[in-house]
Amino acid sequence: MRCVVFDLDGTLADTSADLLAAANACFGAMGQGDVLGPDDALTAFHGGRAMLRLGYQRLGRDGTDAEVDLHFPAFLEAYRGAIAVHTRLYPGAVAAVQALRAAGIAVSVCTNKPEALAELLLQKLGVRDLFGAMIGADTLPTRKPDRSPYIAAVTRAGGVVGRSMLVGDTETDRRTGLAAGVPVVLVTFGPEGEGVSRFAPEALLHRFDDLPDLAARLLT
């Protein structure tokens, strides 16, 4: 069976506002105001540790791995408690996934968000049942750009790796596709916009309405 694998943050959903709010909650607990803002959406899509490091830098602190590790559990707890306050699926995402399924194409999620949080978010957004599999950062011993999580996302959904493709939004997704030997489509509606073209994906996706036709072309 053909298969389309989706990244989550910045691809299926704009999660940046809730991620940034969770990081700011950590800084608030340290007696600081909001250190991060909407312009830091790209950093948010690189994960909690990246946001904490950026915030520490703005506060004039080193932001060592030890300091990040100290506050990371508080970030996860804040995020878990408010994971879908501002998060929204990108326009057309649900219709595109449903169209792929109707065409007999398996669909799954492969994300570097911790598995429990990714499962919770997909459930809160009401779309978990659309996907045949969900692989998170800690589902396997390795995460993207290692190919193993991607392969698991395909096979657990009933797909064949040689007839699959990845839809993502970052260099990590591009490198994952290269490692797995599959086409990669990068979305341009994330914070980087057309800038993702520098990663030389097989295709760019400007709107989800175009995905079913694009998948039909790439999954021959």
Protein backbone atom coordinates (compact mmCIF):
# COMPACT_ATOMS: atom_id res chain seq x y z
CA MET A 1 0.00 0.00 0.00
CA ARG A 2 1.14 3.53 -0.76
CA CYS A 3 1.70 5.72 2.32
CA VAL A 4 2.03 9.41 3.17
CA VAL A 5 3.78 10.21 6.45
CA PHE A 6 3.21 13.60 8.07
CA ASP A 7 5.30 15.57 10.48
CA LEU A 8 3.11 17.22 13.14
CA ASP A 9 4.39 20.59 14.40
CA GLY A 10 4.56 23.13 11.60
CA THR A 11 3.16 20.66 9.07
CA LEU A 12 -0.26 19.41 10.14
CA ALA A 13 -0.77 22.03 12.84
CA ASP A 14 0.52 25.41 13.93
CA THR A 15 1.52 24.59 17.50
CA SER A 16 3.88 27.52 18.01
CA ALA A 17 1.70 29.69 20.26
CA ASP A 18 1.12 26.95 22.83
CA LEU A 19 4.77 25.89 22.74
CA LEU A 20 5.93 29.46 23.30
CA ALA A 21 3.43 29.92 26.12
CA ALA A 22 4.77 26.83 27.88
CA ALA A 23 8.34 28.11 27.60
CA ASN A 24 7.28 31.52 28.91
CA ALA A 25 5.60 29.79 31.86
CA CYS A 26 9.03 28.44 32.80
CA PHE A 27 10.56 31.90 32.63
CA GLY A 28 7.63 33.27 34.63
CA ALA A 29 8.36 30.76 37.38
CA MET A 30 11.88 32.25 37.45
CA GLY A 31 10.45 35.72 38.08
CA GLN A 32 10.69 36.86 34.47
CA GLY A 33 8.03 38.12 32.09
CA ASP A 34 7.35 36.69 28.66
CA VAL A 35 10.77 36.29 27.08
CA LEU A 36 9.61 34.75 23.80
CA GLY A 37 7.04 36.06 21.35
CA PRO A 38 5.25 35.28 18.08
CA ASP A 39 8.36 36.07 16.03
CA ASP A 40 10.03 33.06 17.65
CA ALA A 41 7.69 30.54 16.00
CA LEU A 42 10.53 28.95 14.03
CA THR A 43 12.45 28.27 17.25
CA ALA A 44 9.29 26.77 18.76
CA PHE A 45 9.16 24.20 15.97
CA HIS A 46 12.68 23.11 16.92
CA GLY A 47 11.43 22.03 20.34
CA GLY A 48 11.34 22.93 24.00
CA ARG A 49 15.06 22.87 24.59
CA ALA A 50 15.67 25.26 21.71
CA MET A 51 13.15 27.71 23.15
CA LEU A 52 14.64 27.51 26.63
CA ARG A 53 18.14 28.14 25.27
CA LEU A 54 16.95 31.16 23.31
CA GLY A 55 15.20 32.55 26.36
CA TYR A 56 18.26 32.09 28.54
CA GLN A 57 20.35 33.91 25.99
CA ARG A 58 17.97 36.86 26.06
CA LEU A 59 18.21 36.89 29.83
CA GLY A 60 21.99 37.01 29.60
CA ARG A 61 22.46 33.47 30.90
CA ASP A 62 24.57 30.73 29.38
CA GLY A 63 21.73 28.27 28.87
CA THR A 64 23.91 25.23 29.45
CA ASP A 65 22.61 21.72 28.84
CA ALA A 66 22.40 21.26 32.60
CA GLU A 67 20.24 24.36 33.02
CA VAL A 68 18.00 23.36 30.14
CA ASP A 69 17.61 19.85 31.56
CA LEU A 70 16.71 21.36 34.95
CA HIS A 71 13.76 23.33 33.58
CA PHE A 72 12.68 21.02 30.77
CA PRO A 73 10.29 18.91 32.92
CA ALA A 74 8.49 22.12 33.96
CA PHE A 75 8.17 23.07 30.30
CA LEU A 76 6.67 19.67 29.46
CA GLU A 77 4.21 19.92 32.35
CA ALA A 78 3.11 23.42 31.33
CA TYR A 79 2.70 22.32 27.73
CA ARG A 80 0.77 19.17 28.64
CA GLY A 81 -1.70 21.26 30.65
CA ALA A 82 -2.40 23.71 27.81
CA ILE A 83 -1.50 21.80 24.67
CA ALA A 84 -4.40 22.85 22.45
CA VAL A 85 -5.40 26.32 23.58
CA HIS A 86 -4.19 28.16 20.50
CA THR A 87 -3.06 25.26 18.30
CA ARG A 88 -4.92 24.90 15.04
CA LEU A 89 -4.72 22.48 12.12
CA TYR A 90 -3.60 24.19 8.95
CA PRO A 91 -6.42 24.92 6.48
CA GLY A 92 -7.29 21.94 4.35
CA ALA A 93 -5.24 19.43 6.38
CA VAL A 94 -8.17 17.22 7.39
CA ALA A 95 -9.72 17.23 3.91
CA ALA A 96 -6.36 16.30 2.36
CA VAL A 97 -5.84 13.38 4.75
CA GLN A 98 -9.36 12.17 4.13
CA ALA A 99 -8.82 12.38 0.35
CA LEU A 100 -5.64 10.32 0.62
CA ARG A 101 -7.45 7.66 2.62
CA ALA A 102 -10.29 7.61 0.11
CA ALA A 103 -7.71 6.99 -2.63
CA GLY A 104 -6.44 3.91 -0.79
CA ILE A 105 -3.30 5.61 0.56
CA ALA A 106 -2.25 4.89 4.14
CA VAL A 107 -1.47 7.90 6.34
CA SER A 108 0.57 8.20 9.52
CA VAL A 109 2.45 10.69 11.70
CA CYS A 110 6.17 10.76 12.48
CA THR A 111 7.16 13.55 14.85
CA ASN A 112 9.98 14.53 17.19
CA LYS A 113 7.40 15.51 19.80
CA PRO A 114 7.30 13.01 22.70
CA GLU A 115 4.84 10.25 21.89
CA ALA A 116 2.46 10.88 24.80
CA LEU A 117 2.21 14.59 23.97
CA ALA A 118 1.72 13.91 20.27
CA GLU A 119 -1.04 11.40 21.00
CA LEU A 120 -2.71 13.86 23.38
CA LEU A 121 -2.56 16.69 20.86
CA LEU A 122 -3.97 14.63 17.98
CA GLN A 123 -6.81 13.51 20.25
CA LYS A 124 -7.52 17.07 21.37
CA LEU A 125 -7.62 18.18 17.74
CA GLY A 126 -10.02 15.34 16.97
CA VAL A 127 -7.90 13.73 14.25
CA ARG A 128 -6.11 10.80 15.89
CA ASP A 129 -8.43 8.26 14.28
CA LEU A 130 -7.48 9.50 10.80
CA PHE A 131 -3.94 8.11 11.08
CA GLY A 132 -2.96 4.46 10.92
CA ALA A 133 0.14 4.96 13.07
CA MET A 134 1.85 7.60 15.20
CA ILE A 135 5.58 7.52 15.95
CA GLY A 136 6.96 10.04 18.44
CA ALA A 137 10.42 11.10 19.53
CA ASP A 138 10.63 8.39 22.18
CA THR A 139 8.65 5.59 20.52
CA LEU A 140 11.92 4.06 19.32
CA PRO A 141 15.52 4.46 20.57
CA THR A 142 16.19 6.96 17.75
CA ARG A 143 14.31 9.93 16.32
CA LYS A 144 14.29 11.81 13.01
CA PRO A 145 16.45 12.29 10.98
CA ASP A 146 17.28 8.64 11.65
CA ARG A 147 15.26 6.57 9.20
CA SER A 148 13.97 4.02 11.72
CA PRO A 149 11.06 6.11 13.05
CA TYR A 150 9.98 6.91 9.51
CA ILE A 151 10.09 3.26 8.46
CA ALA A 152 8.04 2.34 11.53
CA ALA A 153 5.47 5.03 10.67
CA VAL A 154 5.06 3.51 7.21
CA THR A 155 5.00 -0.17 8.11
CA ARG A 156 2.76 0.20 11.17
CA ALA A 157 0.21 1.97 8.97
CA GLY A 158 0.30 -0.93 6.51
CA GLY A 159 2.39 0.85 3.89
CA VAL A 160 5.48 -0.04 1.89
CA VAL A 161 8.54 2.19 2.31
CA GLY A 162 9.35 2.05 -1.40
CA ARG A 163 5.93 3.55 -2.17
CA SER A 164 5.88 6.20 0.55
CA MET A 165 6.67 9.89 1.00
CA LEU A 166 7.17 12.34 3.85
CA VAL A 167 5.41 15.69 4.26
CA GLY A 168 7.30 18.02 6.60
CA ASP A 169 8.57 21.53 7.17
CA THR A 170 12.22 21.42 8.26
CA GLU A 171 15.69 20.32 7.29
CA THR A 172 15.24 17.42 9.71
CA ASP A 173 12.37 16.13 7.60
CA ARG A 174 14.41 16.50 4.44
CA ARG A 175 17.31 14.58 5.98
CA THR A 176 14.91 11.88 7.16
CA GLY A 177 13.64 11.40 3.63
CA LEU A 178 17.18 11.17 2.29
CA ALA A 179 18.06 8.58 4.94
CA ALA A 180 15.00 6.51 4.06
CA GLY A 181 15.37 7.01 0.31
CA VAL A 182 11.88 8.47 -0.17
CA PRO A 183 10.49 11.69 -1.67
CA VAL A 184 10.01 14.65 0.66
CA VAL A 185 7.46 17.42 0.30
CA LEU A 186 8.04 20.55 2.41
CA VAL A 187 5.21 22.93 3.23
CA THR A 188 5.62 26.65 2.61
CA PHE A 189 2.91 27.85 5.00
CA GLY A 190 5.14 27.48 8.08
CA PRO A 191 7.32 30.26 9.55
CA GLU A 192 10.09 29.74 6.99
CA GLY A 193 7.77 30.11 4.02
CA GLU A 194 9.50 29.60 0.69
CA GLY A 195 12.82 29.44 2.55
CA VAL A 196 12.43 25.66 2.86
CA SER A 197 13.20 25.41 -0.86
CA ARG A 198 16.91 25.62 0.02
CA PHE A 199 16.68 22.03 1.31
CA ALA A 200 15.91 20.88 -2.25
CA PRO A 201 12.85 18.70 -1.55
CA GLU A 202 11.19 16.76 -4.33
CA ALA A 203 8.30 19.22 -4.11
CA LEU A 204 6.93 22.20 -2.21
CA LEU A 205 3.37 22.29 -0.87
CA HIS A 206 1.75 25.73 -0.81
CA ARG A 207 -1.69 24.55 0.29
CA PHE A 208 -3.11 21.23 1.44
CA ASP A 209 -5.65 21.24 -1.37
CA ASP A 210 -2.83 20.28 -3.74
CA LEU A 211 -1.56 17.30 -1.73
CA PRO A 212 -3.73 14.48 -3.16
CA ASP A 213 -2.64 15.25 -6.74
CA LEU A 214 0.98 15.65 -5.62
CA ALA A 215 0.90 12.29 -3.83
CA ALA A 216 -0.56 10.61 -6.91
CA ARG A 217 2.37 11.95 -8.95
CA LEU A 218 5.15 11.07 -6.48
CA LEU A 219 3.81 7.69 -5.36
CA THR A 220 3.91 5.91 -8.70
